């Protein structure tokens, strides 16, 4: 994206976010598209294992194509994952390629357990911009205690082989990250962490990210980070689309308690300023969140921030590393 356009759109977004505008004159800059809500793991911190069977499915190609064709005109980046494991989708490679053909910065988040050598090679050559592997635990015992259903050695070898293939291809893309949730060191020692990281030496791993644990809007018990209310920025910059087309304003609403529209029935432009989106922005800005089930229980509105922006996002915006 053109640098001038990038900063112009961010300036407009920031202005309306700080002002608390409920009807927006611009369109979302980020999107999460859930290719599937199925997952082959039952992780201790993830509510996916509690999804009802009628909440599970795979996004059909026609819906995916509609979403990409609409969003390519206004989003900065698109995340091809949400509640499930995207590598389960039989058309994952084609979906990545279609997003890239539409000139979208495309991201994928995965547990890596299904990453065969063939699929790894296809993803490397697909044009994917960034892939992050969720890998909690630095040894077999810890990993398999947290990642129920996972195989530590098999998954680790999948990731290492992916990086070896990326190195052999002399490809800078996709930028690759290992993401680990911070469990306050209760499961692993610092030495175990260093021993784990040593396995990636001389391989093209771009980032090793320690992620803060969040509470999935009350699904997990967690203390507030701050006593000061911070307006959630999501309804001013992003949309989340479930596999069945349901559109939500926030990634934390795991069970879809506040649906603002459906991408199968309406355009994303229409949904962006739909009555439910407008009402949500109005109430968030007024700090009136008690009537919203997800918002009232979410720890994200109590994050430490600067000018209302969560600190973890500020540098990403400034450095153009939002993706």
Protein backbone atom coordinates (compact mmCIF):
# COMPACT_ATOMS: atom_id res chain seq x y z
CA UNK A 1 0.00 0.00 0.00
CA UNK A 2 1.14 3.53 -0.85
CA UNK A 3 2.78 5.14 2.23
CA UNK A 4 0.79 8.36 1.90
CA UNK A 5 -2.48 6.43 1.67
CA UNK A 6 -1.47 4.32 4.66
CA UNK A 7 -0.87 7.30 6.91
CA UNK A 8 -3.88 9.17 5.58
CA UNK A 9 -6.19 6.29 6.41
CA UNK A 10 -4.63 5.75 9.84
CA UNK A 11 -4.99 9.46 10.64
CA UNK A 12 -8.67 9.35 9.71
CA UNK A 13 -9.18 6.17 11.74
CA UNK A 14 -7.45 7.66 14.79
CA UNK A 15 -9.47 10.88 14.53
CA UNK A 16 -12.81 9.05 14.51
CA UNK A 17 -11.71 6.59 17.20
CA UNK A 18 -10.66 9.37 19.59
CA UNK A 19 -13.78 11.36 18.72
CA UNK A 20 -15.98 8.33 19.37
CA UNK A 21 -17.72 8.52 16.01
CA UNK A 22 -20.42 5.91 15.62
CA UNK A 23 -20.94 6.23 11.85
CA UNK A 24 -17.66 5.99 9.96
CA UNK A 25 -16.75 7.54 6.62
CA UNK A 26 -14.01 4.99 5.96
CA UNK A 27 -13.96 1.19 5.73
CA UNK A 28 -12.15 -1.38 7.94
CA UNK A 29 -8.40 -1.72 7.56
CA UNK A 30 -8.10 -5.24 8.96
CA UNK A 31 -10.05 -8.48 8.65
CA UNK A 32 -10.09 -11.94 10.17
CA UNK A 33 -11.60 -14.60 7.90
CA UNK A 34 -12.31 -17.92 9.57
CA UNK A 35 -11.74 -20.68 7.02
CA UNK A 36 -12.95 -23.28 9.51
CA UNK A 37 -13.96 -23.44 13.15
CA UNK A 38 -12.84 -27.06 13.47
CA UNK A 39 -9.63 -27.75 15.36
CA UNK A 40 -7.67 -30.94 15.94
CA UNK A 41 -6.44 -29.75 19.37
CA UNK A 42 -8.23 -29.22 22.69
CA UNK A 43 -5.90 -26.69 24.30
CA UNK A 44 -6.47 -25.94 27.98
CA UNK A 45 -6.81 -22.17 27.45
CA UNK A 46 -8.94 -22.23 24.28
CA UNK A 47 -12.78 -22.23 24.24
CA UNK A 48 -12.86 -24.05 20.88
CA UNK A 49 -13.44 -27.37 22.62
CA UNK A 50 -16.74 -25.95 23.92
CA UNK A 51 -18.13 -24.95 20.52
CA UNK A 52 -21.45 -26.64 19.77
CA UNK A 53 -21.50 -28.91 16.72
CA UNK A 54 -23.74 -26.49 14.80
CA UNK A 55 -21.07 -23.80 15.25
CA UNK A 56 -18.50 -25.85 13.38
CA UNK A 57 -17.99 -25.90 9.64
CA UNK A 58 -15.87 -24.90 6.66
CA UNK A 59 -16.15 -21.72 4.61
CA UNK A 60 -17.33 -22.38 1.06
CA UNK A 61 -15.30 -21.04 -1.85
CA UNK A 62 -18.02 -18.77 -3.24
CA UNK A 63 -18.37 -16.95 0.09
CA UNK A 64 -14.60 -16.66 0.46
CA UNK A 65 -14.27 -15.25 -3.05
CA UNK A 66 -17.01 -12.69 -2.34
CA UNK A 67 -15.24 -11.57 0.83
CA UNK A 68 -11.86 -11.19 -0.88
CA UNK A 69 -13.33 -9.42 -3.91
CA UNK A 70 -15.00 -6.86 -1.67
CA UNK A 71 -12.27 -6.35 0.91
CA UNK A 72 -9.34 -6.03 -1.51
CA UNK A 73 -10.38 -2.43 -2.15
CA UNK A 74 -9.94 -1.25 1.43
CA UNK A 75 -8.20 -3.58 3.92
CA UNK A 76 -4.49 -3.44 4.75
CA UNK A 77 -4.21 -7.08 5.72
CA UNK A 78 -6.26 -10.21 6.07
CA UNK A 79 -5.90 -12.99 8.64
CA UNK A 80 -6.96 -16.40 7.33
CA UNK A 81 -7.61 -17.88 10.75
CA UNK A 82 -9.73 -17.35 13.81
CA UNK A 83 -11.27 -20.00 16.06
CA UNK A 84 -10.15 -23.14 14.19
CA UNK A 85 -7.12 -24.72 12.55
CA UNK A 86 -7.01 -23.37 9.00
CA UNK A 87 -4.77 -26.14 7.67
CA UNK A 88 -7.79 -28.44 8.01
CA UNK A 89 -9.45 -26.63 5.09
CA UNK A 90 -8.87 -28.63 1.88
CA UNK A 91 -8.55 -25.41 -0.17
CA UNK A 92 -6.15 -23.58 2.13
CA UNK A 93 -3.44 -23.11 -0.52
CA UNK A 94 -5.89 -21.85 -3.15
CA UNK A 95 -7.35 -19.46 -0.58
CA UNK A 96 -3.94 -18.01 0.24
CA UNK A 97 -3.13 -17.65 -3.45
CA UNK A 98 -6.45 -15.93 -4.20
CA UNK A 99 -5.87 -13.37 -1.44
CA UNK A 100 -2.37 -12.70 -2.73
CA UNK A 101 -3.61 -12.30 -6.30
CA UNK A 102 -5.85 -9.58 -4.89
CA UNK A 103 -2.76 -7.81 -3.50
CA UNK A 104 -3.69 -8.31 0.15
CA UNK A 105 -1.10 -8.69 2.88
CA UNK A 106 -2.03 -12.21 3.95
CA UNK A 107 -1.40 -13.88 7.30
CA UNK A 108 -1.90 -17.39 8.59
CA UNK A 109 -1.87 -18.63 12.20
CA UNK A 110 -1.59 -22.38 12.78
CA UNK A 111 -0.59 -24.99 15.35
CA UNK A 112 1.60 -26.58 12.66
CA UNK A 113 0.56 -30.15 13.41
CA UNK A 114 -0.83 -30.80 9.91
CA UNK A 115 2.06 -29.24 8.01
CA UNK A 116 3.30 -31.97 5.66
CA UNK A 117 6.38 -31.38 3.51
CA UNK A 118 4.21 -30.99 0.40
CA UNK A 119 1.91 -28.47 2.09
CA UNK A 120 4.90 -26.59 3.50
CA UNK A 121 6.38 -26.21 0.01
CA UNK A 122 3.04 -25.06 -1.39
CA UNK A 123 2.63 -22.44 1.33
CA UNK A 124 6.16 -21.12 0.81
CA UNK A 125 5.52 -20.68 -2.90
CA UNK A 126 1.98 -19.31 -2.44
CA UNK A 127 3.09 -15.76 -1.71
CA UNK A 128 1.86 -15.83 1.91
CA UNK A 129 3.30 -12.83 3.74
CA UNK A 130 3.39 -14.12 7.31
CA UNK A 131 2.86 -17.41 9.12
CA UNK A 132 2.85 -17.76 12.90
CA UNK A 133 3.07 -21.07 14.70
CA UNK A 134 1.32 -21.29 18.05
CA UNK A 135 3.58 -23.47 20.17
CA UNK A 136 3.04 -23.36 23.94
CA UNK A 137 5.61 -25.29 25.93
CA UNK A 138 9.33 -25.85 25.44
CA UNK A 139 9.43 -29.59 26.14
CA UNK A 140 7.24 -32.61 25.45
CA UNK A 141 5.64 -32.81 28.89
CA UNK A 142 4.74 -29.12 29.06
CA UNK A 143 3.58 -28.83 25.44
CA UNK A 144 1.30 -31.86 25.55
CA UNK A 145 -0.13 -30.77 28.90
CA UNK A 146 -1.21 -27.45 27.37
CA UNK A 147 -1.83 -28.54 23.77
CA UNK A 148 -4.19 -31.44 24.35
CA UNK A 149 -4.14 -33.77 21.35
CA UNK A 150 -0.77 -32.49 20.15
CA UNK A 151 2.46 -34.37 19.55
CA UNK A 152 5.47 -32.27 20.61
CA UNK A 153 8.16 -33.91 18.49
CA UNK A 154 6.03 -34.34 15.37
CA UNK A 155 4.84 -30.73 15.37
CA UNK A 156 8.27 -29.31 16.19
CA UNK A 157 9.79 -31.31 13.33
CA UNK A 158 7.07 -29.99 11.00
CA UNK A 159 8.05 -26.42 11.84
CA UNK A 160 11.78 -27.08 11.58
CA UNK A 161 11.29 -28.74 8.19
CA UNK A 162 9.18 -25.81 7.02
CA UNK A 163 12.05 -23.46 7.88
CA UNK A 164 14.57 -25.72 6.18
CA UNK A 165 12.48 -25.69 2.98
CA UNK A 166 12.12 -21.92 3.22
CA UNK A 167 15.91 -21.63 3.54
CA UNK A 168 16.49 -23.97 0.60
CA UNK A 169 14.11 -21.91 -1.52
CA UNK A 170 16.00 -18.76 -0.48
CA UNK A 171 12.63 -17.17 0.17
CA UNK A 172 12.11 -14.24 2.51
CA UNK A 173 8.41 -15.08 2.61
CA UNK A 174 6.47 -15.97 4.48
CA UNK A 175 7.94 -14.14 7.45
CA UNK A 176 7.82 -16.79 10.14
CA UNK A 177 7.12 -16.49 13.85
CA UNK A 178 6.82 -18.80 16.83
CA UNK A 179 4.18 -17.51 19.24
CA UNK A 180 4.13 -18.67 22.85
CA UNK A 181 1.53 -17.65 25.41
CA UNK A 182 3.01 -16.33 28.64
CA UNK A 183 1.74 -18.60 31.41
CA UNK A 184 3.78 -16.62 33.98
CA UNK A 185 6.54 -19.22 33.69
CA UNK A 186 4.49 -21.71 35.68
CA UNK A 187 5.06 -24.49 33.15
CA UNK A 188 8.65 -24.05 31.91
CA UNK A 189 12.04 -22.82 33.11
CA UNK A 190 14.07 -20.13 31.36
CA UNK A 191 16.69 -22.76 30.53
CA UNK A 192 14.07 -24.89 28.79
CA UNK A 193 13.06 -21.83 26.78
CA UNK A 194 16.65 -21.16 25.69
CA UNK A 195 17.23 -24.81 24.79
CA UNK A 196 14.07 -24.72 22.69
CA UNK A 197 15.08 -21.53 20.87
CA UNK A 198 18.54 -22.95 20.13
CA UNK A 199 16.95 -25.46 17.76
CA UNK A 200 16.10 -22.61 15.37
CA UNK A 201 19.63 -21.27 15.00
CA UNK A 202 20.69 -20.84 11.36
CA UNK A 203 17.07 -21.20 10.23
CA UNK A 204 14.97 -18.31 8.83
CA UNK A 205 12.80 -17.76 11.89
CA UNK A 206 11.97 -14.04 11.90
CA UNK A 207 10.28 -13.61 15.28
CA UNK A 208 9.91 -15.37 18.60
CA UNK A 209 6.88 -13.79 20.27
CA UNK A 210 5.80 -14.11 23.88
CA UNK A 211 2.08 -13.35 23.86
CA UNK A 212 0.04 -12.05 26.75
CA UNK A 213 -2.73 -14.32 27.94
CA UNK A 214 -6.21 -12.80 27.47
CA UNK A 215 -9.52 -13.97 28.87
CA UNK A 216 -11.59 -14.57 25.72
CA UNK A 217 -14.16 -12.09 27.01
CA UNK A 218 -14.72 -13.82 30.31
CA UNK A 219 -14.35 -17.42 29.16
CA UNK A 220 -11.07 -17.58 31.14
CA UNK A 221 -10.47 -15.99 34.55
CA UNK A 222 -7.82 -13.25 34.45
CA UNK A 223 -7.07 -10.14 36.48
CA UNK A 224 -7.47 -6.69 34.98
CA UNK A 225 -4.26 -5.15 33.67
CA UNK A 226 -5.39 -1.65 34.61
CA UNK A 227 -8.24 0.03 36.47
CA UNK A 228 -8.58 2.63 33.74
CA UNK A 229 -11.13 2.03 30.98
CA UNK A 230 -9.77 2.05 27.44
CA UNK A 231 -12.16 2.16 24.49
CA UNK A 232 -11.72 -1.01 22.44
CA UNK A 233 -10.37 0.02 19.00
CA UNK A 234 -11.65 -3.05 17.13
CA UNK A 235 -15.05 -1.66 16.01
CA UNK A 236 -13.20 1.31 14.48
CA UNK A 237 -10.73 -0.73 12.42
CA UNK A 238 -11.67 -4.38 11.88
CA UNK A 239 -14.27 -6.99 10.99
CA UNK A 240 -14.28 -10.70 11.79
CA UNK A 241 -16.08 -13.16 9.53
CA UNK A 242 -17.01 -16.68 10.62
CA UNK A 243 -16.99 -19.67 8.27
CA UNK A 244 -20.77 -19.31 7.73
CA UNK A 245 -20.61 -15.61 6.86
CA UNK A 246 -21.58 -14.23 10.29
CA UNK A 247 -19.78 -10.92 10.84
CA UNK A 248 -18.60 -9.74 14.25
CA UNK A 249 -16.80 -6.61 15.44
CA UNK A 250 -14.22 -8.31 17.66
CA UNK A 251 -12.03 -11.43 17.79
CA UNK A 252 -12.77 -11.96 21.49
CA UNK A 253 -16.42 -12.86 20.87
CA UNK A 254 -15.66 -16.55 20.50
CA UNK A 255 -19.24 -17.80 20.58
CA UNK A 256 -20.79 -15.11 18.38
CA UNK A 257 -22.94 -13.35 20.96
CA UNK A 258 -22.98 -10.08 19.00
CA UNK A 259 -23.41 -10.65 15.26
CA UNK A 260 -23.64 -7.44 13.22
CA UNK A 261 -24.53 -8.93 9.84
CA UNK A 262 -23.86 -11.76 7.42
CA UNK A 263 -21.48 -11.55 4.46
CA UNK A 264 -23.65 -13.96 2.47
CA UNK A 265 -26.61 -11.58 2.59
CA UNK A 266 -25.05 -8.11 2.72
CA UNK A 267 -21.95 -6.32 1.50
CA UNK A 268 -19.15 -5.61 3.94
CA UNK A 269 -19.69 -1.90 3.28
CA UNK A 270 -23.30 -2.18 4.46
CA UNK A 271 -22.35 -4.20 7.54
CA UNK A 272 -19.58 -1.77 8.55
CA UNK A 273 -22.14 0.92 9.42
CA UNK A 274 -25.04 -1.38 10.22
CA UNK A 275 -27.32 -0.39 13.13
CA UNK A 276 -25.66 -2.88 15.49
CA UNK A 277 -22.15 -1.63 14.64
CA UNK A 278 -23.23 1.99 15.12
CA UNK A 279 -24.90 1.17 18.45
CA UNK A 280 -21.82 -0.71 19.68
CA UNK A 281 -19.43 2.15 18.85
CA UNK A 282 -21.75 4.66 20.51
CA UNK A 283 -21.91 2.65 23.73
CA UNK A 284 -18.22 1.77 23.84
CA UNK A 285 -17.29 5.45 23.47
CA UNK A 286 -19.70 6.30 26.30
CA UNK A 287 -18.22 3.56 28.50
CA UNK A 288 -21.63 1.92 28.59
CA UNK A 289 -20.69 -1.73 28.14
CA UNK A 290 -22.78 -3.58 30.72
CA UNK A 291 -25.49 -4.49 28.23
CA UNK A 292 -22.94 -6.10 25.89
CA UNK A 293 -22.13 -9.60 27.09
CA UNK A 294 -18.72 -9.85 25.45
CA UNK A 295 -17.49 -6.33 26.16
CA UNK A 296 -18.57 -6.30 29.79
CA UNK A 297 -16.51 -9.41 30.57
CA UNK A 298 -13.51 -8.70 28.34
CA UNK A 299 -10.12 -7.78 29.79
CA UNK A 300 -9.12 -5.97 26.59
CA UNK A 301 -10.90 -2.77 27.64
CA UNK A 302 -8.69 -2.63 30.73
CA UNK A 303 -5.33 -2.75 28.92
CA UNK A 304 -2.65 -0.17 29.52
CA UNK A 305 -2.55 2.29 26.65
CA UNK A 306 -1.55 5.67 25.33
CA UNK A 307 -4.23 8.06 24.06
CA UNK A 308 -6.64 5.18 24.31
CA UNK A 309 -4.58 2.89 22.07
CA UNK A 310 -3.31 -0.37 23.62
CA UNK A 311 0.47 -0.10 23.93
CA UNK A 312 1.08 -3.33 22.07
CA UNK A 313 -0.42 -1.81 18.91
CA UNK A 314 1.26 1.60 18.91
CA UNK A 315 4.63 0.48 17.54
CA UNK A 316 2.96 -1.72 14.94
CA UNK A 317 1.03 1.27 13.63
CA UNK A 318 4.04 3.61 13.64
CA UNK A 319 6.42 1.14 12.00
CA UNK A 320 3.86 0.00 9.43
CA UNK A 321 4.09 -3.46 10.93
CA UNK A 322 0.42 -3.72 11.69
CA UNK A 323 0.29 -7.00 9.74
